[in-house]
Amino acid sequence: MPRKTPNYSKLILSIVMFIFCGVAIWGVYLVQSFSNSSAEYCASMFGALLTFVAAPTAVAIGFYAWKAKAENAIKLAKDMKEADIDAEVQKEVLDKND
């Protein structure tokens, strides 16, 4: 039985998403607790906080999607080769994925 290798990209993506959700919840709490003093100021601070955290989150999601697409294309090409599918058909299928 082959040993499973750890999937670090899923782990990193999970950590980034967890941090994003935590900061969002914390930001909502801050807006609620300080809304009596200056609601406009708190809302703009919350927007800046989410933007600061959302940028790395978007990069992590984009990287993970790109990596998954590349891995799936490799698996698809390998499966087609094992099934003895014509190389021209393989090229057409892989070109559609790009």
Protein backbone atom coordinates (compact mmCIF):
# COMPACT_ATOMS: atom_id res chain seq x y z
CA MET A 1 0.00 0.00 0.00
CA PRO A 2 1.61 3.29 -1.07
CA ARG A 3 2.19 5.86 1.59
CA LYS A 4 0.24 9.10 1.15
CA THR A 5 2.35 12.20 0.85
CA PRO A 6 1.22 15.23 2.83
CA ASN A 7 -0.62 17.82 0.78
CA TYR A 8 0.94 21.09 1.88
CA SER A 9 -1.00 23.29 -0.52
CA LYS A 10 -4.32 22.24 1.03
CA LEU A 11 -2.88 22.83 4.49
CA ILE A 12 -1.64 26.31 3.58
CA LEU A 13 -4.95 27.19 1.92
CA SER A 14 -6.86 25.99 5.00
CA ILE A 15 -4.68 28.08 7.31
CA VAL A 16 -5.09 31.19 5.15
CA MET A 17 -8.87 30.74 4.99
CA PHE A 18 -9.03 30.18 8.76
CA ILE A 19 -7.07 33.39 9.36
CA PHE A 20 -9.32 35.29 6.94
CA CYS A 21 -12.47 34.11 8.70
CA GLY A 22 -10.98 34.87 12.11
CA VAL A 23 -10.02 38.40 11.11
CA ALA A 24 -13.45 38.97 9.56
CA ILE A 25 -15.19 37.88 12.78
CA TRP A 26 -12.80 39.99 14.86
CA GLY A 27 -13.43 42.98 12.58
CA VAL A 28 -17.20 42.65 12.92
CA TYR A 29 -16.76 42.56 16.70
CA LEU A 30 -14.61 45.70 16.60
CA VAL A 31 -17.11 47.55 14.42
CA GLN A 32 -19.94 46.57 16.76
CA SER A 33 -18.07 47.53 19.92
CA PHE A 34 -16.82 50.89 18.61
CA SER A 35 -19.85 51.83 16.52
CA ASN A 36 -21.18 54.18 19.22
CA SER A 37 -18.25 56.56 18.85
CA SER A 38 -17.86 56.88 15.07
CA ALA A 39 -19.67 54.45 12.78
CA GLU A 40 -18.15 55.84 9.59
CA TYR A 41 -14.62 55.57 10.93
CA CYS A 42 -15.15 51.99 12.12
CA ALA A 43 -16.68 50.84 8.84
CA SER A 44 -13.80 52.25 6.80
CA MET A 45 -11.28 50.65 9.16
CA PHE A 46 -13.10 47.33 8.77
CA GLY A 47 -12.96 47.65 4.97
CA ALA A 48 -9.23 48.34 5.11
CA LEU A 49 -8.67 45.40 7.46
CA LEU A 50 -10.55 43.00 5.18
CA THR A 51 -8.69 44.29 2.13
CA PHE A 52 -5.38 43.74 3.90
CA VAL A 53 -6.32 40.13 4.67
CA ALA A 54 -8.24 39.39 1.44
CA ALA A 55 -5.29 40.06 -0.88
CA PRO A 56 -3.16 37.13 0.36
CA THR A 57 -6.29 34.98 0.54
CA ALA A 58 -7.04 35.65 -3.13
CA VAL A 59 -3.45 34.85 -4.08
CA ALA A 60 -3.57 31.57 -2.12
CA ILE A 61 -6.86 30.53 -3.77
CA GLY A 62 -5.54 31.42 -7.22
CA PHE A 63 -2.33 29.47 -6.66
CA TYR A 64 -4.23 26.44 -5.39
CA ALA A 65 -6.61 26.48 -8.38
CA TRP A 66 -3.68 26.77 -10.82
CA LYS A 67 -1.82 23.92 -9.09
CA ALA A 68 -4.90 21.67 -9.07
CA LYS A 69 -5.49 22.34 -12.77
CA ALA A 70 -1.89 21.40 -13.61
CA GLU A 71 -2.08 18.22 -11.52
CA ASN A 72 -5.35 17.21 -13.17
CA ALA A 73 -3.88 17.75 -16.65
CA ILE A 74 -0.94 15.50 -15.75
CA LYS A 75 -3.28 12.80 -14.40
CA LEU A 76 -5.48 13.06 -17.48
CA ALA A 77 -2.53 12.68 -19.84
CA LYS A 78 -1.25 9.69 -17.86
CA ASP A 79 -4.67 8.02 -17.90
CA MET A 80 -5.00 8.58 -21.64
CA LYS A 81 -1.57 7.11 -22.23
CA GLU A 82 -2.48 4.03 -20.15
CA ALA A 83 -5.75 3.67 -22.05
CA ASP A 84 -3.77 3.86 -25.31
CA ILE A 85 -5.67 6.86 -26.63
CA ASP A 86 -4.28 8.48 -29.75
CA ALA A 87 -1.76 11.28 -29.12
CA GLU A 88 -3.76 13.68 -31.30
CA VAL A 89 -6.85 13.19 -29.13
CA GLN A 90 -4.72 13.71 -26.01
CA LYS A 91 -3.47 17.01 -27.36
CA GLU A 92 -7.01 18.19 -28.17
CA VAL A 93 -8.31 17.32 -24.69
CA LEU A 94 -5.37 18.96 -22.92
CA ASP A 95 -5.66 22.08 -25.08
CA LYS A 96 -9.32 22.44 -24.09
CA ASN A 97 -8.27 22.57 -20.42
CA ASP A 98 -6.03 25.59 -21.02
